[in-house]
N, C-alpha and C. Protein backbone atom coordinates (compact mmCIF):
# COMPACT_ATOMS: atom_id res chain seq x y z
N UNK A 1 -3.03 21.35 -4.36
CA UNK A 1 -3.02 20.75 -5.56
C UNK A 1 -4.17 19.72 -5.63
N UNK A 2 -5.00 19.86 -6.72
CA UNK A 2 -6.09 18.87 -6.76
C UNK A 2 -5.60 17.80 -7.85
N UNK A 3 -5.43 16.56 -7.50
CA UNK A 3 -5.15 15.44 -8.24
C UNK A 3 -6.19 14.43 -8.39
N UNK A 4 -6.08 13.49 -9.43
CA UNK A 4 -6.96 12.34 -9.52
C UNK A 4 -6.81 11.28 -8.35
N UNK A 5 -7.86 10.65 -8.10
CA UNK A 5 -7.84 9.70 -6.96
C UNK A 5 -6.66 8.59 -7.00
N UNK A 6 -6.68 7.83 -7.91
CA UNK A 6 -5.59 6.83 -8.13
C UNK A 6 -4.72 7.19 -9.39
N UNK A 7 -3.42 6.96 -9.26
CA UNK A 7 -2.48 7.17 -10.34
C UNK A 7 -1.86 5.94 -10.78
N UNK A 8 -2.00 5.48 -12.07
CA UNK A 8 -1.23 4.35 -12.53
C UNK A 8 -0.22 4.83 -13.51
N UNK A 9 1.04 4.48 -13.07
CA UNK A 9 2.21 4.96 -13.84
C UNK A 9 2.45 3.81 -14.79
N UNK A 10 2.25 4.09 -16.07
CA UNK A 10 2.37 3.01 -17.07
C UNK A 10 3.46 3.20 -18.22
N UNK A 11 3.69 2.13 -18.93
CA UNK A 11 4.65 2.34 -19.98
C UNK A 11 5.36 0.85 -20.10
N UNK A 12 6.20 0.94 -21.18
CA UNK A 12 6.89 -0.45 -21.37
C UNK A 12 8.15 -0.63 -20.32
N UNK A 13 8.47 -1.85 -20.36
CA UNK A 13 9.72 -2.12 -19.42
C UNK A 13 10.88 -1.11 -19.72
N UNK A 14 11.53 -0.60 -18.72
CA UNK A 14 12.66 0.26 -18.87
C UNK A 14 12.26 1.64 -18.92
N UNK A 15 10.93 2.06 -18.82
CA UNK A 15 10.62 3.48 -18.86
C UNK A 15 10.71 4.15 -17.58
N UNK A 16 11.05 3.42 -16.41
CA UNK A 16 11.19 4.17 -15.20
C UNK A 16 9.96 4.14 -14.33
N UNK A 17 9.03 3.22 -14.49
CA UNK A 17 7.79 3.29 -13.83
C UNK A 17 8.01 3.25 -12.39
N UNK A 18 8.88 2.36 -11.77
CA UNK A 18 8.94 2.24 -10.33
C UNK A 18 9.58 3.38 -9.82
N UNK A 19 10.66 3.99 -10.43
CA UNK A 19 11.32 5.25 -9.95
C UNK A 19 10.47 6.19 -9.86
N UNK A 20 9.72 6.50 -10.94
CA UNK A 20 8.78 7.71 -10.95
C UNK A 20 7.60 7.48 -9.96
N UNK A 21 6.99 6.34 -10.04
CA UNK A 21 5.85 6.08 -9.10
C UNK A 21 6.18 6.22 -7.64
N UNK A 22 7.33 5.64 -7.31
CA UNK A 22 7.67 5.72 -5.91
C UNK A 22 7.90 7.29 -5.44
N UNK A 23 8.43 7.98 -6.40
CA UNK A 23 8.67 9.43 -6.07
C UNK A 23 7.25 10.13 -5.99
N UNK A 24 6.43 9.85 -7.00
CA UNK A 24 5.12 10.44 -6.98
C UNK A 24 4.38 10.15 -5.66
N UNK A 25 4.48 8.81 -5.29
CA UNK A 25 3.78 8.53 -4.06
C UNK A 25 4.28 9.06 -2.91
N UNK A 26 5.62 9.23 -2.79
CA UNK A 26 6.32 9.99 -1.76
C UNK A 26 5.84 11.51 -1.64
N UNK A 27 5.87 12.04 -2.87
CA UNK A 27 5.49 13.57 -2.93
C UNK A 27 4.10 13.69 -2.57
N UNK A 28 3.23 12.82 -2.87
CA UNK A 28 1.75 12.95 -2.62
C UNK A 28 1.30 12.34 -1.34
N UNK A 29 2.22 11.55 -0.62
CA UNK A 29 1.78 10.96 0.57
C UNK A 29 0.81 9.87 0.41
N UNK A 30 0.93 9.01 -0.71
CA UNK A 30 0.03 8.05 -0.98
C UNK A 30 0.64 6.67 -0.91
N UNK A 31 -0.30 5.64 -0.56
CA UNK A 31 0.34 4.23 -0.73
C UNK A 31 0.73 3.89 -2.16
N UNK A 32 1.72 3.11 -2.29
CA UNK A 32 2.39 2.59 -3.54
C UNK A 32 2.33 1.08 -3.57
N UNK A 33 2.18 0.71 -4.78
CA UNK A 33 2.31 -0.82 -5.09
C UNK A 33 3.03 -0.84 -6.40
N UNK A 34 3.84 -2.07 -6.37
CA UNK A 34 4.38 -2.46 -7.67
C UNK A 34 3.64 -3.54 -8.35
N UNK A 35 3.09 -3.30 -9.45
CA UNK A 35 2.13 -4.33 -10.13
C UNK A 35 2.88 -5.64 -10.48
N UNK A 36 4.15 -5.42 -10.81
CA UNK A 36 4.96 -6.65 -11.04
C UNK A 36 5.00 -7.60 -9.95
N UNK A 37 4.89 -7.10 -8.73
CA UNK A 37 4.91 -7.93 -7.50
C UNK A 37 3.59 -8.76 -7.40
N UNK A 38 2.60 -8.31 -8.16
CA UNK A 38 1.36 -9.03 -8.11
C UNK A 38 1.20 -10.09 -9.12
N UNK A 39 2.12 -10.21 -10.01
CA UNK A 39 2.07 -11.34 -11.02
C UNK A 39 2.18 -12.62 -10.30
N UNK A 40 1.36 -13.66 -10.87
CA UNK A 40 1.39 -15.09 -10.31
C UNK A 40 2.72 -15.63 -10.78
N UNK A 41 3.29 -16.57 -10.02
CA UNK A 41 4.55 -17.13 -10.42
C UNK A 41 4.62 -17.57 -11.83
N UNK A 42 3.57 -18.07 -12.50
CA UNK A 42 3.58 -18.66 -13.73
C UNK A 42 3.86 -17.55 -14.80
N UNK A 43 3.31 -16.29 -14.56
CA UNK A 43 3.53 -15.15 -15.45
C UNK A 43 5.06 -14.77 -15.44
N UNK A 44 5.55 -14.69 -14.13
CA UNK A 44 7.05 -14.36 -13.97
C UNK A 44 7.87 -15.35 -14.67
N UNK A 45 7.70 -16.60 -14.50
CA UNK A 45 8.35 -17.71 -15.15
C UNK A 45 8.42 -17.50 -16.63
N UNK A 46 7.24 -17.32 -17.20
CA UNK A 46 6.99 -17.03 -18.62
C UNK A 46 7.90 -15.97 -19.17
N UNK A 47 7.80 -14.83 -18.52
CA UNK A 47 8.54 -13.64 -18.96
C UNK A 47 10.04 -13.91 -18.75
N UNK A 48 10.48 -14.41 -17.59
CA UNK A 48 11.84 -14.72 -17.39
C UNK A 48 12.44 -15.55 -18.56
N UNK A 49 11.54 -16.48 -19.05
CA UNK A 49 12.00 -17.46 -20.15
C UNK A 49 11.98 -16.70 -21.49
N UNK A 50 11.61 -15.34 -21.48
CA UNK A 50 11.52 -14.61 -22.75
C UNK A 50 10.24 -14.79 -23.58
N UNK A 51 9.23 -15.29 -22.84
CA UNK A 51 7.97 -15.53 -23.67
C UNK A 51 6.99 -14.45 -23.21
N UNK A 52 6.52 -13.76 -24.24
CA UNK A 52 5.51 -12.59 -23.91
C UNK A 52 4.31 -13.20 -23.32
N UNK A 53 3.57 -12.40 -22.46
CA UNK A 53 2.40 -12.89 -21.77
C UNK A 53 1.22 -12.80 -22.93
N UNK A 54 0.18 -13.52 -22.82
CA UNK A 54 -0.94 -13.34 -23.55
C UNK A 54 -1.98 -12.69 -22.77
N UNK A 55 -3.06 -12.26 -23.42
CA UNK A 55 -4.20 -11.60 -22.76
C UNK A 55 -4.77 -12.45 -21.56
N UNK A 56 -4.77 -13.83 -21.96
CA UNK A 56 -5.25 -14.72 -20.96
C UNK A 56 -4.43 -14.66 -19.66
N UNK A 57 -3.05 -14.59 -19.93
CA UNK A 57 -2.19 -14.48 -18.73
C UNK A 57 -2.42 -13.19 -17.96
N UNK A 58 -2.61 -12.18 -18.63
CA UNK A 58 -2.59 -10.81 -18.12
C UNK A 58 -3.96 -10.58 -17.19
N UNK A 59 -5.01 -10.94 -17.81
CA UNK A 59 -6.35 -10.50 -17.19
C UNK A 59 -6.49 -10.79 -15.70
N UNK A 60 -6.21 -11.98 -15.25
CA UNK A 60 -6.31 -12.22 -13.74
C UNK A 60 -5.30 -11.19 -13.05
N UNK A 61 -4.06 -11.02 -13.56
CA UNK A 61 -3.19 -10.10 -12.94
C UNK A 61 -3.70 -8.59 -12.91
N UNK A 62 -4.27 -8.21 -13.92
CA UNK A 62 -4.87 -6.84 -14.01
C UNK A 62 -6.07 -6.76 -13.07
N UNK A 63 -6.82 -7.74 -12.80
CA UNK A 63 -7.79 -7.81 -11.93
C UNK A 63 -7.36 -7.61 -10.50
N UNK A 64 -6.19 -8.35 -10.21
CA UNK A 64 -5.56 -8.21 -8.89
C UNK A 64 -5.16 -6.74 -8.63
N UNK A 65 -4.50 -6.08 -9.59
CA UNK A 65 -4.17 -4.62 -9.44
C UNK A 65 -5.35 -3.78 -9.23
N UNK A 66 -6.39 -3.94 -10.04
CA UNK A 66 -7.65 -3.20 -9.84
C UNK A 66 -8.25 -3.41 -8.54
N UNK A 67 -8.17 -4.72 -8.02
CA UNK A 67 -8.77 -4.96 -6.59
C UNK A 67 -7.97 -4.26 -5.47
N UNK A 68 -6.57 -4.31 -5.79
CA UNK A 68 -5.75 -3.48 -4.79
C UNK A 68 -6.15 -2.05 -4.66
N UNK A 69 -6.26 -1.32 -5.86
CA UNK A 69 -6.71 -0.07 -5.92
C UNK A 69 -8.09 0.11 -5.28
N UNK A 70 -9.02 -0.67 -5.54
CA UNK A 70 -10.32 -0.65 -4.89
C UNK A 70 -10.21 -0.77 -3.36
N UNK A 71 -9.41 -1.71 -2.94
CA UNK A 71 -9.25 -1.82 -1.46
C UNK A 71 -8.67 -0.57 -0.86
N UNK A 72 -7.72 0.05 -1.64
CA UNK A 72 -7.19 1.29 -1.04
C UNK A 72 -8.33 2.48 -0.95
N UNK A 73 -9.14 2.47 -1.95
CA UNK A 73 -10.21 3.45 -2.01
C UNK A 73 -11.20 3.10 -0.72
N UNK A 74 -11.51 1.80 -0.52
CA UNK A 74 -12.34 1.43 0.48
C UNK A 74 -11.81 1.91 1.83
N UNK A 75 -10.51 1.96 1.97
CA UNK A 75 -9.84 2.32 3.14
C UNK A 75 -9.65 3.95 3.29
N UNK A 76 -10.10 4.57 2.25
CA UNK A 76 -10.00 6.08 2.27
C UNK A 76 -8.67 6.61 1.65
N UNK A 77 -7.99 5.82 0.98
CA UNK A 77 -6.70 6.21 0.30
C UNK A 77 -6.82 6.33 -1.24
N UNK A 78 -6.23 7.31 -1.63
CA UNK A 78 -5.83 7.38 -3.09
C UNK A 78 -4.41 6.72 -3.23
N UNK A 79 -4.10 6.05 -4.21
CA UNK A 79 -2.92 5.22 -4.32
C UNK A 79 -2.23 5.60 -5.57
N UNK A 80 -0.96 5.10 -5.70
CA UNK A 80 -0.02 5.05 -6.85
C UNK A 80 0.27 3.76 -7.01
N UNK A 81 0.23 3.12 -8.39
CA UNK A 81 0.67 1.77 -8.65
C UNK A 81 1.32 1.87 -10.11
N UNK A 82 2.36 1.04 -10.29
CA UNK A 82 2.93 0.85 -11.50
C UNK A 82 2.20 -0.24 -12.19
N UNK A 83 1.99 -0.11 -13.52
CA UNK A 83 1.49 -1.30 -14.25
C UNK A 83 1.69 -0.87 -15.78
N UNK A 84 2.26 -1.89 -16.40
CA UNK A 84 2.63 -1.51 -17.91
C UNK A 84 1.27 -1.05 -18.60
N UNK A 85 0.17 -1.62 -18.49
CA UNK A 85 -1.13 -1.10 -19.00
C UNK A 85 -0.89 -0.88 -20.55
N UNK A 86 -0.41 -1.76 -21.31
CA UNK A 86 0.03 -1.40 -22.59
C UNK A 86 -1.22 -1.32 -23.60
N UNK A 87 -2.21 -1.96 -23.32
CA UNK A 87 -3.35 -1.87 -24.21
C UNK A 87 -4.68 -1.19 -23.57
N UNK A 88 -5.33 -0.60 -24.25
CA UNK A 88 -6.71 0.00 -23.79
C UNK A 88 -7.52 -1.02 -23.04
N UNK A 89 -7.62 -2.18 -23.52
CA UNK A 89 -8.49 -3.13 -22.77
C UNK A 89 -7.87 -3.40 -21.44
N UNK A 90 -6.56 -3.44 -21.27
CA UNK A 90 -5.95 -3.52 -19.90
C UNK A 90 -6.28 -2.41 -19.08
N UNK A 91 -6.24 -1.22 -19.73
CA UNK A 91 -6.56 -0.07 -18.90
C UNK A 91 -8.01 0.08 -18.51
N UNK A 92 -8.90 -0.45 -19.31
CA UNK A 92 -10.28 -0.61 -19.02
C UNK A 92 -10.50 -1.36 -17.81
N UNK A 93 -9.65 -2.41 -17.66
CA UNK A 93 -9.85 -3.29 -16.40
C UNK A 93 -9.55 -2.38 -15.21
N UNK A 94 -8.31 -1.59 -15.28
CA UNK A 94 -7.94 -0.85 -14.18
C UNK A 94 -8.85 0.21 -13.82
N UNK A 95 -9.45 0.90 -14.87
CA UNK A 95 -10.46 1.99 -14.71
C UNK A 95 -11.65 1.55 -13.91
N UNK A 96 -11.94 0.19 -13.77
CA UNK A 96 -13.01 -0.27 -12.96
C UNK A 96 -12.77 -0.16 -11.46
N UNK A 97 -11.52 0.25 -11.00
CA UNK A 97 -11.33 0.30 -9.63
C UNK A 97 -12.16 1.54 -8.97
N UNK A 98 -12.66 1.20 -7.80
CA UNK A 98 -13.35 2.19 -7.01
C UNK A 98 -12.41 3.46 -6.79
N UNK A 99 -12.90 4.66 -7.01
CA UNK A 99 -12.14 5.90 -6.72
C UNK A 99 -11.56 6.45 -7.98
N UNK A 100 -11.67 5.86 -9.16
CA UNK A 100 -11.31 6.44 -10.47
C UNK A 100 -9.75 6.27 -10.58
N UNK A 101 -9.38 6.36 -11.81
CA UNK A 101 -7.90 6.08 -12.20
C UNK A 101 -7.46 7.23 -13.27
N UNK A 102 -6.32 7.67 -13.12
CA UNK A 102 -5.72 8.52 -14.13
C UNK A 102 -4.32 7.90 -14.60
N UNK A 103 -3.95 7.79 -15.72
CA UNK A 103 -2.72 7.23 -16.12
C UNK A 103 -1.62 8.18 -16.34
N UNK A 104 -0.36 7.95 -16.00
CA UNK A 104 0.82 8.64 -16.30
C UNK A 104 1.61 7.73 -17.28
N UNK A 105 1.54 8.04 -18.65
CA UNK A 105 2.21 7.22 -19.52
C UNK A 105 3.68 7.72 -19.80
N UNK A 106 4.60 6.95 -19.30
CA UNK A 106 6.04 7.32 -19.45
C UNK A 106 6.54 6.72 -20.82
N UNK A 107 7.00 7.57 -21.61
CA UNK A 107 7.32 7.20 -22.92
C UNK A 107 8.82 7.71 -23.30
N UNK A 108 9.48 6.95 -24.24
CA UNK A 108 10.77 7.39 -24.50
C UNK A 108 11.25 6.59 -25.77
N UNK A 109 12.36 7.01 -26.25
CA UNK A 109 13.03 6.41 -27.47
C UNK A 109 13.44 5.01 -27.15
N UNK A 110 13.14 4.13 -28.18
CA UNK A 110 13.29 2.67 -27.97
C UNK A 110 14.81 2.31 -27.55
N UNK A 111 15.79 3.08 -28.19
CA UNK A 111 17.27 2.81 -27.82
C UNK A 111 17.52 3.10 -26.40
N UNK A 112 16.93 4.20 -25.88
CA UNK A 112 17.06 4.56 -24.36
C UNK A 112 16.42 3.41 -23.45
N UNK A 113 15.24 3.01 -23.93
CA UNK A 113 14.61 1.99 -23.15
C UNK A 113 15.48 0.63 -23.10
N UNK A 114 15.97 0.30 -24.27
CA UNK A 114 16.75 -0.87 -24.44
C UNK A 114 18.08 -0.75 -23.51
N UNK A 115 18.69 0.42 -23.55
CA UNK A 115 19.87 0.60 -22.74
C UNK A 115 19.60 0.50 -21.32
N UNK A 116 18.45 1.07 -20.89
CA UNK A 116 18.02 1.01 -19.44
C UNK A 116 17.82 -0.44 -19.01
N UNK A 117 17.09 -1.28 -19.92
CA UNK A 117 16.87 -2.56 -19.56
C UNK A 117 18.15 -3.38 -19.47
N UNK A 118 19.03 -3.23 -20.36
CA UNK A 118 20.23 -3.97 -20.36
C UNK A 118 21.10 -3.59 -19.00
N UNK A 119 20.89 -2.40 -18.56
CA UNK A 119 21.72 -1.98 -17.25
C UNK A 119 21.18 -2.42 -16.04
N UNK A 120 19.88 -2.98 -16.01
CA UNK A 120 19.29 -3.45 -14.79
C UNK A 120 19.68 -4.80 -14.37
N UNK A 121 19.76 -4.94 -13.02
CA UNK A 121 20.31 -6.18 -12.50
C UNK A 121 19.12 -6.83 -11.74
N UNK A 122 18.92 -8.07 -11.92
CA UNK A 122 17.92 -8.78 -11.08
C UNK A 122 16.49 -8.63 -11.52
N UNK A 123 16.13 -8.17 -12.65
CA UNK A 123 14.78 -8.05 -12.98
C UNK A 123 14.38 -9.23 -13.88
N UNK A 124 13.27 -9.79 -13.73
CA UNK A 124 12.77 -10.86 -14.45
C UNK A 124 12.52 -10.61 -16.03
N UNK A 125 12.26 -9.30 -16.38
CA UNK A 125 11.98 -8.96 -17.79
C UNK A 125 13.20 -8.82 -18.62
N UNK A 126 13.51 -9.72 -19.67
CA UNK A 126 14.73 -9.63 -20.38
C UNK A 126 14.40 -8.56 -21.48
N UNK A 127 15.66 -7.89 -21.82
CA UNK A 127 15.56 -6.94 -22.92
C UNK A 127 14.92 -7.45 -24.22
N UNK A 128 15.08 -8.69 -24.43
CA UNK A 128 14.44 -9.23 -25.75
C UNK A 128 13.02 -9.14 -25.89
N UNK A 129 12.34 -8.83 -24.77
CA UNK A 129 10.80 -8.64 -24.74
C UNK A 129 10.42 -7.21 -25.03
N UNK A 130 11.34 -6.24 -25.08
CA UNK A 130 11.06 -4.95 -25.32
C UNK A 130 10.31 -4.63 -26.61
N UNK A 131 10.85 -5.33 -27.67
CA UNK A 131 10.15 -5.20 -28.93
C UNK A 131 8.64 -5.59 -28.90
N UNK A 132 8.42 -6.71 -28.23
CA UNK A 132 6.97 -7.15 -28.17
C UNK A 132 6.14 -6.10 -27.32
N UNK A 133 6.77 -5.62 -26.37
CA UNK A 133 6.02 -4.54 -25.60
C UNK A 133 5.75 -3.31 -26.40
N UNK A 134 6.76 -2.82 -27.12
CA UNK A 134 6.44 -1.69 -28.05
C UNK A 134 5.47 -2.01 -29.06
N UNK A 135 5.39 -3.25 -29.66
CA UNK A 135 4.45 -3.61 -30.62
C UNK A 135 3.05 -3.61 -30.08
N UNK A 136 3.05 -4.05 -28.80
CA UNK A 136 1.64 -4.14 -28.03
C UNK A 136 1.17 -2.82 -27.56
N UNK A 137 1.96 -1.81 -27.32
CA UNK A 137 1.57 -0.55 -26.76
C UNK A 137 0.56 0.12 -27.66
N UNK A 138 -0.55 0.46 -26.90
CA UNK A 138 -1.52 1.26 -27.59
C UNK A 138 -1.53 2.70 -26.70
N UNK A 139 -1.07 3.80 -27.29
CA UNK A 139 -0.95 4.99 -26.61
C UNK A 139 -2.33 5.37 -26.02
N UNK A 140 -2.34 6.24 -24.93
CA UNK A 140 -3.62 6.78 -24.39
C UNK A 140 -4.39 7.50 -25.52
N UNK A 141 -5.61 7.16 -25.57
CA UNK A 141 -6.55 7.86 -26.47
C UNK A 141 -7.05 9.12 -25.83
N UNK A 142 -7.58 10.03 -26.74
CA UNK A 142 -8.05 11.29 -26.17
C UNK A 142 -9.20 11.25 -25.08
N UNK A 143 -9.97 10.15 -25.18
CA UNK A 143 -10.98 10.03 -24.20
C UNK A 143 -10.55 9.34 -22.88
N UNK A 144 -9.35 8.91 -22.77
CA UNK A 144 -8.88 8.40 -21.52
C UNK A 144 -8.14 9.36 -20.60
N UNK A 145 -8.56 9.25 -19.43
CA UNK A 145 -7.84 10.18 -18.44
C UNK A 145 -6.41 9.81 -18.24
N UNK A 146 -5.55 10.69 -18.70
CA UNK A 146 -4.14 10.46 -18.49
C UNK A 146 -3.28 11.44 -19.12
N UNK A 147 -2.00 11.37 -18.90
CA UNK A 147 -0.97 12.31 -19.47
C UNK A 147 0.11 11.52 -19.96
N UNK A 148 0.77 12.05 -20.93
CA UNK A 148 2.03 11.50 -21.48
C UNK A 148 3.22 12.20 -21.07
N UNK A 149 4.23 11.53 -20.46
CA UNK A 149 5.35 12.23 -19.90
C UNK A 149 6.58 11.61 -20.45
N UNK A 150 7.42 12.45 -21.10
CA UNK A 150 8.70 11.96 -21.75
C UNK A 150 9.72 11.62 -20.59
N UNK A 151 10.49 10.60 -20.91
CA UNK A 151 11.50 10.12 -19.99
C UNK A 151 12.98 10.60 -20.09
N UNK A 152 13.09 11.58 -20.89
CA UNK A 152 14.52 12.09 -21.25
C UNK A 152 15.05 13.00 -20.27
N UNK A 153 14.43 13.26 -19.08
CA UNK A 153 14.96 14.15 -18.09
C UNK A 153 15.40 13.33 -16.92
N UNK A 154 15.74 14.11 -15.86
CA UNK A 154 16.10 13.40 -14.61
C UNK A 154 14.78 12.88 -13.89
N UNK A 155 14.87 11.92 -13.02
CA UNK A 155 13.66 11.54 -12.31
C UNK A 155 12.91 12.71 -11.65
N UNK A 156 13.57 13.71 -11.06
CA UNK A 156 12.94 14.83 -10.55
C UNK A 156 12.16 15.77 -11.54
N UNK A 157 12.81 15.80 -12.71
CA UNK A 157 12.14 16.55 -13.74
C UNK A 157 10.99 15.87 -14.29
N UNK A 158 11.13 14.48 -14.37
CA UNK A 158 9.98 13.74 -14.96
C UNK A 158 8.82 13.84 -13.92
N UNK A 159 9.07 13.65 -12.65
CA UNK A 159 8.05 13.79 -11.70
C UNK A 159 7.44 15.18 -11.67
N UNK A 160 8.14 16.22 -11.79
CA UNK A 160 7.71 17.63 -11.91
C UNK A 160 6.74 17.75 -12.94
N UNK A 161 7.07 17.17 -14.19
CA UNK A 161 6.29 17.36 -15.37
C UNK A 161 5.00 16.51 -15.27
N UNK A 162 5.11 15.29 -14.66
CA UNK A 162 3.91 14.44 -14.42
C UNK A 162 2.87 15.35 -13.56
N UNK A 163 3.45 15.80 -12.39
CA UNK A 163 2.54 16.49 -11.47
C UNK A 163 1.83 17.67 -12.18
N UNK A 164 2.67 18.44 -12.94
CA UNK A 164 2.19 19.70 -13.68
C UNK A 164 1.09 19.24 -14.68
N UNK A 165 1.26 18.13 -15.36
CA UNK A 165 0.23 17.62 -16.33
C UNK A 165 -0.98 17.10 -15.54
N UNK A 166 -0.75 16.39 -14.57
CA UNK A 166 -1.91 15.84 -13.73
C UNK A 166 -2.75 16.91 -13.17
N UNK A 167 -2.11 18.10 -12.77
CA UNK A 167 -2.85 19.11 -12.28
C UNK A 167 -3.73 19.78 -13.26
N UNK A 168 -3.26 19.83 -14.45
CA UNK A 168 -4.07 20.28 -15.72
C UNK A 168 -5.29 19.32 -15.95
N UNK A 169 -5.15 18.14 -15.88
CA UNK A 169 -6.12 17.14 -16.06
C UNK A 169 -7.26 17.33 -14.97
N UNK A 170 -6.72 17.51 -13.67
CA UNK A 170 -7.64 17.73 -12.51
C UNK A 170 -8.41 19.07 -12.72
N UNK A 171 -7.75 19.98 -13.12
CA UNK A 171 -8.40 21.40 -13.30
C UNK A 171 -9.48 21.28 -14.45
N UNK A 172 -9.19 20.41 -15.61
CA UNK A 172 -10.15 20.47 -16.52
C UNK A 172 -11.43 19.49 -16.01
N UNK A 173 -11.26 18.63 -15.20
CA UNK A 173 -12.33 17.96 -14.57
C UNK A 173 -13.23 18.76 -13.68
N UNK A 174 -12.59 19.77 -13.08
CA UNK A 174 -13.25 20.55 -12.11
C UNK A 174 -14.12 21.68 -12.85
N UNK A 175 -13.82 21.94 -14.02
CA UNK A 175 -14.48 22.96 -14.87
C UNK A 175 -15.97 22.52 -15.19
């Protein structure tokens, strides 16, 4: 199977980024990172208080994620990382990583997303911020490397669909 170098699993909170990304990393034998773990404490505190992040808050964090991907490429690894990557300008920062990036956009019904967020325990992102994330979300554009994967299946079904679509992207690039 020919796949893109780095995979960024993106989407709003509650879309299953961590579950799907860890399974993709396991299936592909790649290093994995959770971009939420790279947020500075001030960002986490802001979100935990129910305040959406600004672009000024996000840019240093996105640079950290990009730099982690670049470090993986410099070590000869292709990696999988979760990152909301809600806007194109954010994805543009991530695309600067050495080794190239392809996005897996997990998307689903807002009611399903809200229910998943409410069921989570111990996560800093409150369900009250889902609306601001959905309002901020800019879907992948045709000129962006990436695939859109619905989240209404089981994790195994979602991973299988992501891999199938990623294979199609890689095949198009090889032509």
